[in-house]
């Protein structure tokens, strides 16, 4: 079971408007997305109460993918108070994601 919150067109705005959120744009058929999923679950546990982890299935929310110009998956965005502050495309190391979350939290 995932510690990350599933986001869609209805829930995305309220999920990212306050605080720091790491958003994973993914699809179930994407092999690299499945490789990143356990890392995101770990980060969700480690950053509980400090930052949120959300997942957007691009097949179910193509409008959100288009809005954020997601052309490859996985694409991971760090969003602070509704504004994108970092972007990663492809399989990304846990340490790199943690550094981006820490930087956003420190701003």
PDB file of N, CA and C in Angstrom:
ATOM      1  N   UNK A   1       0.846  -1.184   0.000  1.00  0.00           N
ATOM      2  CA  UNK A   1       0.000   0.000   0.000  1.00  0.00           C
ATOM      3  C   UNK A   1       0.886   1.239   0.000  1.00  0.00           C
ATOM      4  N   UNK A   2       0.516   2.196  -0.798  1.00  0.00           N
ATOM      5  CA  UNK A   2       1.321   3.386  -0.973  1.00  0.00           C
ATOM      6  C   UNK A   2       1.048   4.419   0.123  1.00  0.00           C
ATOM      7  N   UNK A   3       2.106   5.105   0.535  1.00  0.00           N
ATOM      8  CA  UNK A   3       1.977   6.221   1.473  1.00  0.00           C
ATOM      9  C   UNK A   3       1.699   7.519   0.732  1.00  0.00           C
ATOM     10  N   UNK A   4       1.852   7.505  -0.588  1.00  0.00           N
ATOM     11  CA  UNK A   4       1.603   8.686  -1.400  1.00  0.00           C
ATOM     12  C   UNK A   4       0.103   8.815  -1.653  1.00  0.00           C
ATOM     13  N   UNK A   5      -0.344  10.048  -1.822  1.00  0.00           N
ATOM     14  CA  UNK A   5      -1.762  10.328  -2.035  1.00  0.00           C
ATOM     15  C   UNK A   5      -2.040  10.426  -3.535  1.00  0.00           C
ATOM     16  N   UNK A   6      -3.063   9.711  -3.990  1.00  0.00           N
ATOM     17  CA  UNK A   6      -3.472   9.811  -5.393  1.00  0.00           C
ATOM     18  C   UNK A   6      -4.142  11.164  -5.611  1.00  0.00           C
ATOM     19  N   UNK A   7      -3.688  11.876  -6.635  1.00  0.00           N
ATOM     20  CA  UNK A   7      -4.245  13.186  -6.956  1.00  0.00           C
ATOM     21  C   UNK A   7      -4.893  13.147  -8.330  1.00  0.00           C
ATOM     22  N   UNK A   8      -5.957  13.941  -8.487  1.00  0.00           N
ATOM     23  CA  UNK A   8      -6.627  14.048  -9.780  1.00  0.00           C
ATOM     24  C   UNK A   8      -7.012  15.506 -10.003  1.00  0.00           C
ATOM     25  N   UNK A   9      -7.772  15.750 -11.055  1.00  0.00           N
ATOM     26  CA  UNK A   9      -8.162  17.125 -11.390  1.00  0.00           C
ATOM     27  C   UNK A   9      -8.884  17.822 -10.234  1.00  0.00           C
ATOM     28  N   UNK A  10      -9.652  17.077  -9.461  1.00  0.00           N
ATOM     29  CA  UNK A  10     -10.429  17.670  -8.369  1.00  0.00           C
ATOM     30  C   UNK A  10      -9.610  17.930  -7.112  1.00  0.00           C
ATOM     31  N   UNK A  11      -8.627  17.091  -6.841  1.00  0.00           N
ATOM     32  CA  UNK A  11      -7.895  17.189  -5.577  1.00  0.00           C
ATOM     33  C   UNK A  11      -6.532  17.859  -5.692  1.00  0.00           C
ATOM     34  N   UNK A  12      -6.037  18.021  -6.901  1.00  0.00           N
ATOM     35  CA  UNK A  12      -4.679  18.522  -7.095  1.00  0.00           C
ATOM     36  C   UNK A  12      -4.482  19.913  -6.487  1.00  0.00           C
ATOM     37  N   UNK A  13      -5.340  20.845  -6.830  1.00  0.00           N
ATOM     38  CA  UNK A  13      -5.177  22.234  -6.388  1.00  0.00           C
ATOM     39  C   UNK A  13      -5.072  22.378  -4.890  1.00  0.00           C
ATOM     40  N   UNK A  14      -5.975  21.753  -4.164  1.00  0.00           N
ATOM     41  CA  UNK A  14      -5.950  21.877  -2.707  1.00  0.00           C
ATOM     42  C   UNK A  14      -4.761  21.144  -2.097  1.00  0.00           C
ATOM     43  N   UNK A  15      -4.267  20.116  -2.784  1.00  0.00           N
ATOM     44  CA  UNK A  15      -3.135  19.354  -2.255  1.00  0.00           C
ATOM     45  C   UNK A  15      -1.820  20.116  -2.352  1.00  0.00           C
ATOM     46  N   UNK A  16      -1.692  20.992  -3.340  1.00  0.00           N
ATOM     47  CA  UNK A  16      -0.408  21.666  -3.552  1.00  0.00           C
ATOM     48  C   UNK A  16      -0.418  23.153  -3.197  1.00  0.00           C
ATOM     49  N   UNK A  17      -1.564  23.685  -2.777  1.00  0.00           N
ATOM     50  CA  UNK A  17      -1.642  25.132  -2.566  1.00  0.00           C
ATOM     51  C   UNK A  17      -0.898  25.611  -1.326  1.00  0.00           C
ATOM     52  N   UNK A  18      -0.770  24.777  -0.324  1.00  0.00           N
ATOM     53  CA  UNK A  18      -0.070  25.158   0.906  1.00  0.00           C
ATOM     54  C   UNK A  18       1.009  24.140   1.226  1.00  0.00           C
ATOM     55  N   UNK A  19       2.189  24.619   1.578  1.00  0.00           N
ATOM     56  CA  UNK A  19       3.261  23.725   1.974  1.00  0.00           C
ATOM     57  C   UNK A  19       4.028  23.169   0.798  1.00  0.00           C
ATOM     58  N   UNK A  20       4.785  22.100   1.070  1.00  0.00           N
ATOM     59  CA  UNK A  20       5.652  21.474   0.072  1.00  0.00           C
ATOM     60  C   UNK A  20       5.075  20.112  -0.299  1.00  0.00           C
ATOM     61  N   UNK A  21       4.980  19.879  -1.602  1.00  0.00           N
ATOM     62  CA  UNK A  21       4.467  18.614  -2.114  1.00  0.00           C
ATOM     63  C   UNK A  21       5.370  18.112  -3.223  1.00  0.00           C
ATOM     64  N   UNK A  22       5.730  16.849  -3.173  1.00  0.00           N
ATOM     65  CA  UNK A  22       6.429  16.190  -4.269  1.00  0.00           C
ATOM     66  C   UNK A  22       5.375  15.441  -5.062  1.00  0.00           C
ATOM     67  N   UNK A  23       5.213  15.797  -6.328  1.00  0.00           N
ATOM     68  CA  UNK A  23       4.184  15.199  -7.169  1.00  0.00           C
ATOM     69  C   UNK A  23       4.849  14.325  -8.223  1.00  0.00           C
ATOM     70  N   UNK A  24       4.410  13.080  -8.295  1.00  0.00           N
ATOM     71  CA  UNK A  24       4.897  12.105  -9.264  1.00  0.00           C
ATOM     72  C   UNK A  24       3.861  11.963 -10.373  1.00  0.00           C
ATOM     73  N   UNK A  25       4.228  12.333 -11.592  1.00  0.00           N
ATOM     74  CA  UNK A  25       3.385  12.082 -12.764  1.00  0.00           C
ATOM     75  C   UNK A  25       3.819  10.731 -13.301  1.00  0.00           C
ATOM     76  N   UNK A  26       2.901   9.765 -13.342  1.00  0.00           N
ATOM     77  CA  UNK A  26       3.234   8.377 -13.622  1.00  0.00           C
ATOM     78  C   UNK A  26       2.104   7.703 -14.384  1.00  0.00           C
ATOM     79  N   UNK A  27       2.314   6.441 -14.743  1.00  0.00           N
ATOM     80  CA  UNK A  27       1.275   5.576 -15.318  1.00  0.00           C
ATOM     81  C   UNK A  27       1.575   4.142 -14.910  1.00  0.00           C
ATOM     82  N   UNK A  28       0.540   3.321 -14.759  1.00  0.00           N
ATOM     83  CA  UNK A  28       0.752   1.948 -14.294  1.00  0.00           C
ATOM     84  C   UNK A  28       1.581   1.098 -15.258  1.00  0.00           C
ATOM     85  N   UNK A  29       1.568   1.416 -16.531  1.00  0.00           N
ATOM     86  CA  UNK A  29       2.293   0.640 -17.531  1.00  0.00           C
ATOM     87  C   UNK A  29       3.755   1.057 -17.673  1.00  0.00           C
ATOM     88  N   UNK A  30       4.183   2.063 -16.929  1.00  0.00           N
ATOM     89  CA  UNK A  30       5.526   2.646 -17.049  1.00  0.00           C
ATOM     90  C   UNK A  30       6.501   1.934 -16.113  1.00  0.00           C
ATOM     91  N   UNK A  31       7.460   1.208 -16.677  1.00  0.00           N
ATOM     92  CA  UNK A  31       8.451   0.497 -15.879  1.00  0.00           C
ATOM     93  C   UNK A  31       9.272   1.405 -14.968  1.00  0.00           C
ATOM     94  N   UNK A  32       9.846   2.486 -15.492  1.00  0.00           N
ATOM     95  CA  UNK A  32      10.602   3.388 -14.621  1.00  0.00           C
ATOM     96  C   UNK A  32       9.748   3.987 -13.499  1.00  0.00           C
ATOM     97  N   UNK A  33       8.461   4.198 -13.768  1.00  0.00           N
ATOM     98  CA  UNK A  33       7.562   4.717 -12.727  1.00  0.00           C
ATOM     99  C   UNK A  33       7.452   3.722 -11.574  1.00  0.00           C
ATOM    100  N   UNK A  34       7.385   2.437 -11.919  1.00  0.00           N
ATOM    101  CA  UNK A  34       7.312   1.406 -10.883  1.00  0.00           C
ATOM    102  C   UNK A  34       8.613   1.330 -10.085  1.00  0.00           C
ATOM    103  N   UNK A  35       9.735   1.695 -10.720  1.00  0.00           N
ATOM    104  CA  UNK A  35      11.019   1.702 -10.016  1.00  0.00           C
ATOM    105  C   UNK A  35      11.085   2.837  -8.993  1.00  0.00           C
ATOM    106  N   UNK A  36      10.451   3.955  -9.293  1.00  0.00           N
ATOM    107  CA  UNK A  36      10.479   5.128  -8.419  1.00  0.00           C
ATOM    108  C   UNK A  36       9.488   4.997  -7.261  1.00  0.00           C
ATOM    109  N   UNK A  37       8.432   4.226  -7.445  1.00  0.00           N
ATOM    110  CA  UNK A  37       7.352   4.143  -6.450  1.00  0.00           C
ATOM    111  C   UNK A  37       7.827   3.794  -5.038  1.00  0.00           C
ATOM    112  N   UNK A  38       8.701   2.797  -4.848  1.00  0.00           N
ATOM    113  CA  UNK A  38       9.137   2.501  -3.473  1.00  0.00           C
ATOM    114  C   UNK A  38       9.911   3.650  -2.826  1.00  0.00           C
ATOM    115  N   UNK A  39      10.663   4.382  -3.617  1.00  0.00           N
ATOM    116  CA  UNK A  39      11.402   5.537  -3.105  1.00  0.00           C
ATOM    117  C   UNK A  39      10.428   6.603  -2.610  1.00  0.00           C
ATOM    118  N   UNK A  40       9.373   6.823  -3.375  1.00  0.00           N
ATOM    119  CA  UNK A  40       8.372   7.813  -2.987  1.00  0.00           C
ATOM    120  C   UNK A  40       7.656   7.396  -1.708  1.00  0.00           C
ATOM    121  N   UNK A  41       7.382   6.112  -1.576  1.00  0.00           N
ATOM    122  CA  UNK A  41       6.749   5.622  -0.350  1.00  0.00           C
ATOM    123  C   UNK A  41       7.654   5.859   0.866  1.00  0.00           C
ATOM    124  N   UNK A  42       8.963   5.619   0.693  1.00  0.00           N
ATOM    125  CA  UNK A  42       9.902   5.868   1.781  1.00  0.00           C
ATOM    126  C   UNK A  42       9.929   7.351   2.149  1.00  0.00           C
ATOM    127  N   UNK A  43       9.989   8.210   1.125  1.00  0.00           N
ATOM    128  CA  UNK A  43      10.007   9.649   1.376  1.00  0.00           C
ATOM    129  C   UNK A  43       8.727  10.110   2.061  1.00  0.00           C
ATOM    130  N   UNK A  44       7.601   9.528   1.672  1.00  0.00           N
ATOM    131  CA  UNK A  44       6.326   9.902   2.294  1.00  0.00           C
ATOM    132  C   UNK A  44       6.366   9.632   3.789  1.00  0.00           C
ATOM    133  N   UNK A  45       6.944   8.513   4.175  1.00  0.00           N
ATOM    134  CA  UNK A  45       7.065   8.202   5.592  1.00  0.00           C
ATOM    135  C   UNK A  45       8.056   9.112   6.299  1.00  0.00           C
ATOM    136  N   UNK A  46       9.188   9.357   5.661  1.00  0.00           N
ATOM    137  CA  UNK A  46      10.240  10.165   6.270  1.00  0.00           C
ATOM    138  C   UNK A  46       9.860  11.638   6.386  1.00  0.00           C
ATOM    139  N   UNK A  47       9.044  12.129   5.466  1.00  0.00           N
ATOM    140  CA  UNK A  47       8.673  13.544   5.462  1.00  0.00           C
ATOM    141  C   UNK A  47       7.254  13.786   5.987  1.00  0.00           C
ATOM    142  N   UNK A  48       6.665  12.770   6.597  1.00  0.00           N
ATOM    143  CA  UNK A  48       5.314  12.921   7.147  1.00  0.00           C
ATOM    144  C   UNK A  48       5.283  14.101   8.116  1.00  0.00           C
ATOM    145  N   UNK A  49       4.303  14.973   7.935  1.00  0.00           N
ATOM    146  CA  UNK A  49       4.176  16.146   8.777  1.00  0.00           C
ATOM    147  C   UNK A  49       4.985  17.338   8.300  1.00  0.00           C
ATOM    148  N   UNK A  50       5.898  17.115   7.345  1.00  0.00           N
ATOM    149  CA  UNK A  50       6.720  18.208   6.811  1.00  0.00           C
ATOM    150  C   UNK A  50       6.393  18.490   5.350  1.00  0.00           C
ATOM    151  N   UNK A  51       6.238  17.431   4.563  1.00  0.00           N
ATOM    152  CA  UNK A  51       5.942  17.558   3.131  1.00  0.00           C
ATOM    153  C   UNK A  51       5.021  16.410   2.733  1.00  0.00           C
ATOM    154  N   UNK A  52       4.300  16.615   1.646  1.00  0.00           N
ATOM    155  CA  UNK A  52       3.381  15.586   1.157  1.00  0.00           C
ATOM    156  C   UNK A  52       3.933  14.981  -0.131  1.00  0.00           C
ATOM    157  N   UNK A  53       3.528  13.745  -0.382  1.00  0.00           N
ATOM    158  CA  UNK A  53       3.884  13.069  -1.627  1.00  0.00           C
ATOM    159  C   UNK A  53       2.573  12.730  -2.331  1.00  0.00           C
ATOM    160  N   UNK A  54       2.455  13.165  -3.580  1.00  0.00           N
ATOM    161  CA  UNK A  54       1.252  12.903  -4.368  1.00  0.00           C
ATOM    162  C   UNK A  54       1.596  12.245  -5.684  1.00  0.00           C
ATOM    163  N   UNK A  55       0.640  11.499  -6.216  1.00  0.00           N
ATOM    164  CA  UNK A  55       0.834  10.804  -7.489  1.00  0.00           C
ATOM    165  C   UNK A  55      -0.314  11.147  -8.433  1.00  0.00           C
ATOM    166  N   UNK A  56       0.039  11.537  -9.655  1.00  0.00           N
ATOM    167  CA  UNK A  56      -0.950  11.840 -10.684  1.00  0.00           C
ATOM    168  C   UNK A  56      -0.794  10.813 -11.793  1.00  0.00           C
ATOM    169  N   UNK A  57      -1.825  10.003 -11.993  1.00  0.00           N
ATOM    170  CA  UNK A  57      -1.838   9.040 -13.097  1.00  0.00           C
ATOM    171  C   UNK A  57      -2.153   9.824 -14.371  1.00  0.00           C
ATOM    172  N   UNK A  58      -1.174   9.902 -15.288  1.00  0.00           N
ATOM    173  CA  UNK A  58      -1.342  10.731 -16.484  1.00  0.00           C
ATOM    174  C   UNK A  58      -2.427  10.200 -17.417  1.00  0.00           C
ATOM    175  N   UNK A  59      -2.737   8.919 -17.323  1.00  0.00           N
ATOM    176  CA  UNK A  59      -3.820   8.357 -18.141  1.00  0.00           C
ATOM    177  C   UNK A  59      -5.186   8.816 -17.638  1.00  0.00           C
ATOM    178  N   UNK A  60      -5.290   9.051 -16.334  1.00  0.00           N
ATOM    179  CA  UNK A  60      -6.557   9.458 -15.734  1.00  0.00           C
ATOM    180  C   UNK A  60      -6.693  10.978 -15.598  1.00  0.00           C
ATOM    181  N   UNK A  61      -5.579  11.694 -15.649  1.00  0.00           N
ATOM    182  CA  UNK A  61      -5.604  13.157 -15.515  1.00  0.00           C
ATOM    183  C   UNK A  61      -4.689  13.799 -16.563  1.00  0.00           C
ATOM    184  N   UNK A  62      -5.017  13.597 -17.843  1.00  0.00           N
ATOM    185  CA  UNK A  62      -4.142  14.147 -18.888  1.00  0.00           C
ATOM    186  C   UNK A  62      -4.082  15.675 -18.877  1.00  0.00           C
ATOM    187  N   UNK A  63      -5.117  16.320 -18.390  1.00  0.00           N
ATOM    188  CA  UNK A  63      -5.109  17.775 -18.317  1.00  0.00           C
ATOM    189  C   UNK A  63      -4.037  18.304 -17.382  1.00  0.00           C
ATOM    190  N   UNK A  64      -3.837  17.624 -16.267  1.00  0.00           N
ATOM    191  CA  UNK A  64      -2.783  18.036 -15.339  1.00  0.00           C
ATOM    192  C   UNK A  64      -1.406  17.834 -15.962  1.00  0.00           C
ATOM    193  N   UNK A  65      -1.235  16.722 -16.655  1.00  0.00           N
ATOM    194  CA  UNK A  65       0.044  16.478 -17.332  1.00  0.00           C
ATOM    195  C   UNK A  65       0.311  17.567 -18.365  1.00  0.00           C
ATOM    196  N   UNK A  66      -0.697  17.941 -19.089  1.00  0.00           N
ATOM    197  CA  UNK A  66      -0.543  18.993 -20.096  1.00  0.00           C
ATOM    198  C   UNK A  66      -0.256  20.339 -19.425  1.00  0.00           C
ATOM    199  N   UNK A  67      -0.962  20.629 -18.365  1.00  0.00           N
ATOM    200  CA  UNK A  67      -0.784  21.901 -17.643  1.00  0.00           C
ATOM    201  C   UNK A  67       0.651  22.093 -17.177  1.00  0.00           C
ATOM    202  N   UNK A  68       1.308  20.996 -16.781  1.00  0.00           N
ATOM    203  CA  UNK A  68       2.676  21.066 -16.292  1.00  0.00           C
ATOM    204  C   UNK A  68       3.701  20.623 -17.339  1.00  0.00           C
ATOM    205  N   UNK A  69       3.277  20.546 -18.590  1.00  0.00           N
ATOM    206  CA  UNK A  69       4.169  20.203 -19.713  1.00  0.00           C
ATOM    207  C   UNK A  69       4.933  18.909 -19.470  1.00  0.00           C
ATOM    208  N   UNK A  70       4.218  17.905 -18.971  1.00  0.00           N
ATOM    209  CA  UNK A  70       4.827  16.602 -18.747  1.00  0.00           C
ATOM    210  C   UNK A  70       4.792  15.832 -20.060  1.00  0.00           C
ATOM    211  N   UNK A  71       5.975  15.576 -20.618  1.00  0.00           N
ATOM    212  CA  UNK A  71       6.042  14.849 -21.882  1.00  0.00           C
ATOM    213  C   UNK A  71       6.699  13.484 -21.728  1.00  0.00           C
ATOM    214  N   UNK A  72       7.367  13.253 -20.591  1.00  0.00           N
ATOM    215  CA  UNK A  72       7.979  11.962 -20.280  1.00  0.00           C
ATOM    216  C   UNK A  72       7.633  11.620 -18.843  1.00  0.00           C
ATOM    217  N   UNK A  73       7.490  10.321 -18.603  1.00  0.00           N
ATOM    218  CA  UNK A  73       7.215   9.895 -17.235  1.00  0.00           C
ATOM    219  C   UNK A  73       8.255   8.862 -16.824  1.00  0.00           C
ATOM    220  N   UNK A  74       8.573   8.809 -15.552  1.00  0.00           N
ATOM    221  CA  UNK A  74       8.051   9.656 -14.503  1.00  0.00           C
ATOM    222  C   UNK A  74       8.633  11.078 -14.559  1.00  0.00           C
ATOM    223  N   UNK A  75       7.794  12.026 -14.255  1.00  0.00           N
ATOM    224  CA  UNK A  75       8.218  13.406 -14.015  1.00  0.00           C
ATOM    225  C   UNK A  75       7.830  13.720 -12.586  1.00  0.00           C
ATOM    226  N   UNK A  76       8.795  14.224 -11.827  1.00  0.00           N
ATOM    227  CA  UNK A  76       8.586  14.518 -10.413  1.00  0.00           C
ATOM    228  C   UNK A  76       8.767  16.012 -10.195  1.00  0.00           C
ATOM    229  N   UNK A  77       7.758  16.639  -9.629  1.00  0.00           N
ATOM    230  CA  UNK A  77       7.797  18.076  -9.365  1.00  0.00           C
ATOM    231  C   UNK A  77       7.771  18.327  -7.862  1.00  0.00           C
ATOM    232  N   UNK A  78       8.612  19.238  -7.414  1.00  0.00           N
ATOM    233  CA  UNK A  78       8.509  19.731  -6.047  1.00  0.00           C
ATOM    234  C   UNK A  78       7.767  21.054  -6.156  1.00  0.00           C
ATOM    235  N   UNK A  79       6.628  21.130  -5.478  1.00  0.00           N
ATOM    236  CA  UNK A  79       5.769  22.312  -5.527  1.00  0.00           C
ATOM    237  C   UNK A  79       5.666  22.890  -4.126  1.00  0.00           C
ATOM    238  N   UNK A  80       5.933  24.196  -4.038  1.00  0.00           N
ATOM    239  CA  UNK A  80       5.812  24.882  -2.747  1.00  0.00           C
ATOM    240  C   UNK A  80       4.768  25.977  -2.894  1.00  0.00           C
ATOM    241  N   UNK A  81       3.739  25.888  -2.052  1.00  0.00           N
ATOM    242  CA  UNK A  81       2.649  26.878  -2.057  1.00  0.00           C
ATOM    243  C   UNK A  81       2.108  27.120  -3.468  1.00  0.00           C
ATOM    244  N   UNK A  82       1.935  26.028  -4.217  1.00  0.00           N
ATOM    245  CA  UNK A  82       1.335  26.105  -5.543  1.00  0.00           C
ATOM    246  C   UNK A  82       2.282  26.431  -6.679  1.00  0.00           C
ATOM    247  N   UNK A  83       3.574  26.630  -6.387  1.00  0.00           N
ATOM    248  CA  UNK A  83       4.545  27.018  -7.412  1.00  0.00           C
ATOM    249  C   UNK A  83       5.619  25.931  -7.545  1.00  0.00           C
ATOM    250  N   UNK A  84       5.871  25.502  -8.770  1.00  0.00           N
ATOM    251  CA  UNK A  84       6.908  24.508  -9.021  1.00  0.00           C
ATOM    252  C   UNK A  84       8.278  25.107  -8.699  1.00  0.00           C
ATOM    253  N   UNK A  85       9.059  24.390  -7.861  1.00  0.00           N
ATOM    254  CA  UNK A  85      10.390  24.867  -7.507  1.00  0.00           C
ATOM    255  C   UNK A  85      11.498  23.930  -7.985  1.00  0.00           C
ATOM    256  N   UNK A  86      11.166  22.670  -8.301  1.00  0.00           N
ATOM    257  CA  UNK A  86      12.137  21.698  -8.818  1.00  0.00           C
ATOM    258  C   UNK A  86      11.424  20.712  -9.728  1.00  0.00           C
ATOM    259  N   UNK A  87      12.176  20.178 -10.696  1.00  0.00           N
ATOM    260  CA  UNK A  87      11.625  19.186 -11.625  1.00  0.00           C
ATOM    261  C   UNK A  87      12.687  18.135 -11.921  1.00  0.00           C
ATOM    262  N   UNK A  88      12.259  16.882 -11.903  1.00  0.00           N
ATOM    263  CA  UNK A  88      13.119  15.757 -12.253  1.00  0.00           C
ATOM    264  C   UNK A  88      12.377  14.911 -13.276  1.00  0.00           C
ATOM    265  N   UNK A  89      13.078  14.437 -14.297  1.00  0.00           N
ATOM    266  CA  UNK A  89      12.474  13.571 -15.304  1.00  0.00           C
ATOM    267  C   UNK A  89      13.249  12.268 -15.328  1.00  0.00           C
ATOM    268  N   UNK A  90      12.527  11.164 -15.242  1.00  0.00           N
ATOM    269  CA  UNK A  90      13.151   9.848 -15.235  1.00  0.00           C
ATOM    270  C   UNK A  90      13.384   9.351 -13.815  1.00  0.00           C
ATOM    271  N   UNK A  91      13.993   8.178 -13.723  1.00  0.00           N
ATOM    272  CA  UNK A  91      14.294   7.590 -12.424  1.00  0.00           C
ATOM    273  C   UNK A  91      15.284   8.509 -11.718  1.00  0.00           C
ATOM    274  N   UNK A  92      14.932   8.903 -10.512  1.00  0.00           N
ATOM    275  CA  UNK A  92      15.731   9.869  -9.755  1.00  0.00           C
ATOM    276  C   UNK A  92      16.097   9.272  -8.409  1.00  0.00           C
ATOM    277  N   UNK A  93      17.341   9.485  -8.004  1.00  0.00           N
ATOM    278  CA  UNK A  93      17.824   8.951  -6.731  1.00  0.00           C
ATOM    279  C   UNK A  93      17.080   9.578  -5.557  1.00  0.00           C
ATOM    280  N   UNK A  94      16.869   8.770  -4.539  1.00  0.00           N
ATOM    281  CA  UNK A  94      16.184   9.233  -3.337  1.00  0.00           C
ATOM    282  C   UNK A  94      16.891  10.448  -2.733  1.00  0.00           C
ATOM    283  N   UNK A  95      18.215  10.428  -2.714  1.00  0.00           N
ATOM    284  CA  UNK A  95      18.972  11.533  -2.149  1.00  0.00           C
ATOM    285  C   UNK A  95      18.726  12.848  -2.878  1.00  0.00           C
ATOM    286  N   UNK A  96      18.603  12.789  -4.193  1.00  0.00           N
ATOM    287  CA  UNK A  96      18.336  14.001  -4.975  1.00  0.00           C
ATOM    288  C   UNK A  96      16.950  14.559  -4.653  1.00  0.00           C
ATOM    289  N   UNK A  97      15.975  13.665  -4.523  1.00  0.00           N
ATOM    290  CA  UNK A  97      14.620  14.111  -4.190  1.00  0.00           C
ATOM    291  C   UNK A  97      14.579  14.684  -2.773  1.00  0.00           C
ATOM    292  N   UNK A  98      15.273  14.042  -1.856  1.00  0.00           N
ATOM    293  CA  UNK A  98      15.323  14.525  -0.474  1.00  0.00           C
ATOM    294  C   UNK A  98      15.976  15.906  -0.406  1.00  0.00           C
ATOM    295  N   UNK A  99      17.059  16.123  -1.158  1.00  0.00           N
ATOM    296  CA  UNK A  99      17.711  17.435  -1.187  1.00  0.00           C
ATOM    297  C   UNK A  99      16.751  18.508  -1.699  1.00  0.00           C
ATOM    298  N   UNK A 100      15.986  18.173  -2.741  1.00  0.00           N
ATOM    299  CA  UNK A 100      15.032  19.139  -3.296  1.00  0.00           C
ATOM    300  C   UNK A 100      13.925  19.453  -2.300  1.00  0.00           C
ATOM    301  N   UNK A 101      13.449  18.424  -1.582  1.00  0.00           N
ATOM    302  CA  UNK A 101      12.420  18.652  -0.558  1.00  0.00           C
ATOM    303  C   UNK A 101      12.988  19.510   0.569  1.00  0.00           C
ATOM    304  N   UNK A 102      14.205  19.188   1.010  1.00  0.00           N
ATOM    305  CA  UNK A 102      14.823  19.958   2.089  1.00  0.00           C
ATOM    306  C   UNK A 102      15.025  21.416   1.686  1.00  0.00           C
ATOM    307  N   UNK A 103      15.446  21.637   0.439  1.00  0.00           N
ATOM    308  CA  UNK A 103      15.641  23.000  -0.042  1.00  0.00           C
ATOM    309  C   UNK A 103      14.329  23.773  -0.066  1.00  0.00           C
ATOM    310  N   UNK A 104      13.271  23.115  -0.516  1.00  0.00           N
ATOM    311  CA  UNK A 104      11.958  23.769  -0.560  1.00  0.00           C
ATOM    312  C   UNK A 104      11.442  24.071   0.843  1.00  0.00           C
ATOM    313  N   UNK A 105      11.677  23.157   1.757  1.00  0.00           N
ATOM    314  CA  UNK A 105      11.246  23.362   3.140  1.00  0.00           C
ATOM    315  C   UNK A 105      12.016  24.494   3.803  1.00  0.00           C
ATOM    316  N   UNK A 106      13.261  24.702   3.400  1.00  0.00           N
ATOM    317  CA  UNK A 106      14.104  25.727   4.004  1.00  0.00           C
ATOM    318  C   UNK A 106      13.814  27.122   3.463  1.00  0.00           C
ATOM    319  N   UNK A 107      13.156  27.215   2.321  1.00  0.00           N
ATOM    320  CA  UNK A 107      12.875  28.529   1.699  1.00  0.00           C
ATOM    321  C   UNK A 107      11.890  29.310   2.508  1.00  0.00           C
TER     322      UNK A 107
END
